[in-house]
Amino acid sequence: MSNTCLVGAESPDSWIRSSYSNGAGGECVECARAGDRVLLRDTKVGDALVARVGASAWRSFVHAVRQSPDAEIA
């Protein structure tokens, strides 16, 4: 999976916060669509560090996690 770090280079329409993030803040991961890519960021650093992966690579990752016997993803 190839990723690229961006600094404010893309502005996605909306970020989606992981349902596994705690409610107290500080431990949140967000993702967003940006064209044919998926952007990932840690809310502690915001747009200072954003990873960008291809949509097909992201789908493969999510599928593999869901197939894991230890996964608890709904």
Protein backbone atom coordinates (compact mmCIF):
# COMPACT_ATOMS: atom_id res chain seq x y z
CA MET A 1 0.00 0.00 0.00
CA SER A 2 1.48 3.31 -1.02
CA ASN A 3 0.87 6.42 1.03
CA THR A 4 1.91 10.02 0.79
CA CYS A 5 2.13 12.55 3.58
CA LEU A 6 0.42 15.82 2.81
CA VAL A 7 0.42 19.14 4.60
CA GLY A 8 -2.87 20.90 3.89
CA ALA A 9 -2.62 19.87 0.23
CA GLU A 10 -6.14 18.52 -0.05
CA SER A 11 -9.37 19.63 1.56
CA PRO A 12 -11.86 16.75 1.70
CA ASP A 13 -15.59 17.43 1.97
CA SER A 14 -15.96 15.81 5.37
CA TRP A 15 -13.95 13.78 7.82
CA ILE A 16 -15.46 10.67 9.44
CA ARG A 17 -14.29 9.86 12.96
CA SER A 18 -13.63 6.26 13.88
CA SER A 19 -16.32 4.68 16.04
CA TYR A 20 -13.48 3.26 18.14
CA SER A 21 -12.23 6.71 19.12
CA ASN A 22 -12.74 7.54 22.77
CA GLY A 23 -15.27 10.18 23.76
CA ALA A 24 -12.75 12.22 25.74
CA GLY A 25 -10.84 13.31 22.64
CA GLY A 26 -7.17 12.96 21.91
CA GLU A 27 -7.26 9.41 20.54
CA CYS A 28 -9.19 9.85 17.33
CA VAL A 29 -8.54 8.64 13.81
CA GLU A 30 -10.48 10.16 10.93
CA CYS A 31 -10.81 9.32 7.25
CA ALA A 32 -12.25 11.16 4.28
CA ARG A 33 -12.67 10.69 0.54
CA ALA A 34 -10.72 12.96 -1.76
CA GLY A 35 -11.26 12.01 -5.37
CA ASP A 36 -9.94 8.48 -5.94
CA ARG A 37 -8.05 8.51 -2.63
CA VAL A 38 -8.83 8.04 1.05
CA LEU A 39 -7.20 10.43 3.50
CA LEU A 40 -6.33 9.38 7.05
CA ARG A 41 -5.33 11.61 9.94
CA ASP A 42 -4.83 11.63 13.68
CA THR A 43 -6.90 14.41 15.21
CA LYS A 44 -4.11 15.24 17.66
CA VAL A 45 -2.09 16.66 14.76
CA GLY A 46 -4.96 17.58 12.41
CA ASP A 47 -3.91 18.50 8.89
CA ALA A 48 -0.23 18.63 9.83
CA LEU A 49 0.15 14.96 8.84
CA VAL A 50 -2.29 13.28 6.48
CA ALA A 51 -1.74 9.89 4.86
CA ARG A 52 -3.28 9.34 1.44
CA VAL A 53 -4.00 5.86 0.09
CA GLY A 54 -5.75 4.60 -3.01
CA ALA A 55 -9.43 3.76 -2.56
CA SER A 56 -8.92 0.14 -3.69
CA ALA A 57 -6.08 -0.33 -1.20
CA TRP A 58 -8.31 1.10 1.56
CA ARG A 59 -11.16 -1.27 0.63
CA SER A 60 -8.73 -4.21 0.73
CA PHE A 61 -7.48 -3.14 4.15
CA VAL A 62 -11.00 -2.75 5.58
CA HIS A 63 -12.04 -6.11 4.12
CA ALA A 64 -8.99 -7.84 5.66
CA VAL A 65 -9.69 -6.29 9.07
CA ARG A 66 -13.33 -7.36 8.94
CA GLN A 67 -12.27 -10.92 8.05
CA SER A 68 -9.90 -11.08 11.03
CA PRO A 69 -11.17 -13.39 13.78
CA ASP A 70 -10.17 -10.75 16.36
CA ALA A 71 -11.98 -7.87 14.61
CA GLU A 72 -14.92 -6.27 16.40
CA ILE A 73 -15.99 -3.96 13.59
CA ALA A 74 -19.69 -3.59 12.96
